[in-house]
Structures are given as structure tokens and as C-alpha cells.
Amino acid sequence: MKRNFEFDASNEMHSFLVTELEDGVLIGCSLNHTTADGESFWHFFNSWSELNAGHETISRPPLMERAQIPKELHQVHFPL
């Protein structure tokens, strides 16, 4: 038996679609780019996966302070 759990994404910053299958679960996720970049999205998704797999903590805590980000990543340089 397959069940879907949907949330309306039309006015939301995040949306999830969870489909429960007989032998597992499929999770679809989307978010507005103003809330996170691609790396942050995958960090969240992988951390969520670790916790649901039974780990008590995540393997890589998020960086919450800009000072922890290497200075060479603060600016984007475009080739001329």
C-alpha cells in the first residue's frame, strides 16, 4: 500500500513530499533559494538521513558563524 503525505508548496519556503512504500520511504524536498544554498540543503538532508538511520548525533555540525568560514570563500571571483 502506498501513501502520500503532501504539503502545499505554493506559498511556502520549504515543501516536502513523503511517499511510504511497502519496502521503504521516498522523500521529495524543495526550498526557496532565499532560505539556503545548495550546500546547506544537502547538509540538512544528509543530517536528517543520519538521524533517521539511528545515529544519535550528526557527523558534521553546521557552521553557524561566518567567522568559521575560510576567508577565501567570503568572496566570489569571476574570471575576466
Protein backbone atom coordinates (compact mmCIF):
# COMPACT_ATOMS: atom_id res chain seq x y z
CA MET A 1 0.00 0.00 0.00
CA LYS A 2 1.40 3.38 -1.00
CA ARG A 3 0.55 6.56 0.91
CA ASN A 4 1.50 10.15 0.16
CA PHE A 5 1.87 12.92 2.70
CA GLU A 6 1.90 16.24 0.86
CA PHE A 7 2.27 19.86 1.84
CA ASP A 8 1.21 22.71 -0.45
CA ALA A 9 4.37 24.40 -1.73
CA SER A 10 2.70 27.35 -3.44
CA ASN A 11 3.33 29.84 -0.61
CA GLU A 12 5.90 28.04 1.50
CA MET A 13 9.63 28.46 1.93
CA HIS A 14 10.05 24.68 2.18
CA SER A 15 7.97 21.76 0.98
CA PHE A 16 8.22 18.02 1.49
CA LEU A 17 6.56 15.04 -0.11
CA VAL A 18 6.89 11.76 1.75
CA THR A 19 5.74 8.61 -0.04
CA GLU A 20 5.54 5.48 2.08
CA LEU A 21 6.20 2.30 0.08
CA GLU A 22 5.97 -1.34 1.12
CA ASP A 23 9.76 -1.62 1.36
CA GLY A 24 10.86 1.92 2.16
CA VAL A 25 10.18 5.62 2.00
CA LEU A 26 10.74 8.24 -0.71
CA ILE A 27 11.26 11.84 0.37
CA GLY A 28 10.99 14.77 -2.00
CA CYS A 29 12.02 18.20 -0.79
CA SER A 30 12.17 21.68 -2.24
CA LEU A 31 13.05 25.03 -0.78
CA ASN A 32 13.20 28.66 -1.73
CA HIS A 33 16.78 29.65 -2.52
CA THR A 34 16.49 32.67 -0.22
CA THR A 35 16.47 30.33 2.80
CA ALA A 36 19.51 28.19 1.94
CA ASP A 37 22.03 27.44 -0.78
CA GLY A 38 22.63 24.04 -2.34
CA GLU A 39 25.33 23.00 0.12
CA SER A 40 23.14 23.92 3.09
CA PHE A 41 20.24 21.98 1.60
CA TRP A 42 22.32 18.81 1.19
CA HIS A 43 23.85 19.23 4.63
CA PHE A 44 20.35 19.37 6.11
CA PHE A 45 19.14 16.40 4.06
CA ASN A 46 22.18 14.24 4.90
CA SER A 47 21.99 15.16 8.60
CA TRP A 48 18.30 14.31 8.64
CA SER A 49 19.12 10.99 6.99
CA GLU A 50 21.79 10.19 9.60
CA LEU A 51 19.38 10.86 12.47
CA ASN A 52 16.67 8.73 10.88
CA ALA A 53 19.18 5.92 10.37
CA GLY A 54 19.61 5.76 14.14
CA HIS A 55 22.68 7.92 14.77
CA GLU A 56 22.45 9.95 17.97
CA THR A 57 24.34 12.93 16.52
CA ILE A 58 25.19 14.18 13.06
CA SER A 59 28.70 13.61 11.72
CA ARG A 60 29.25 17.20 10.55
CA PRO A 61 27.70 20.03 12.60
CA PRO A 62 26.58 23.08 10.59
CA LEU A 63 28.68 26.26 10.53
CA MET A 64 26.61 28.96 12.20
CA GLU A 65 29.25 31.68 12.48
CA ARG A 66 30.57 33.42 9.40
CA ALA A 67 33.97 33.76 11.12
CA GLN A 68 34.35 29.97 10.87
CA ILE A 69 34.14 30.06 7.07
CA PRO A 70 37.58 30.33 5.41
CA LYS A 71 38.26 33.88 4.17
CA GLU A 72 38.88 32.71 0.60
CA LEU A 73 35.22 31.61 0.45
CA HIS A 74 33.82 35.02 1.51
CA GLN A 75 34.10 36.48 -1.98
CA VAL A 76 33.33 35.08 -5.38
CA HIS A 77 35.86 35.99 -8.07
CA PHE A 78 34.78 35.87 -11.68
CA PRO A 79 37.36 35.45 -14.46
CA LEU A 80 37.69 38.40 -16.83
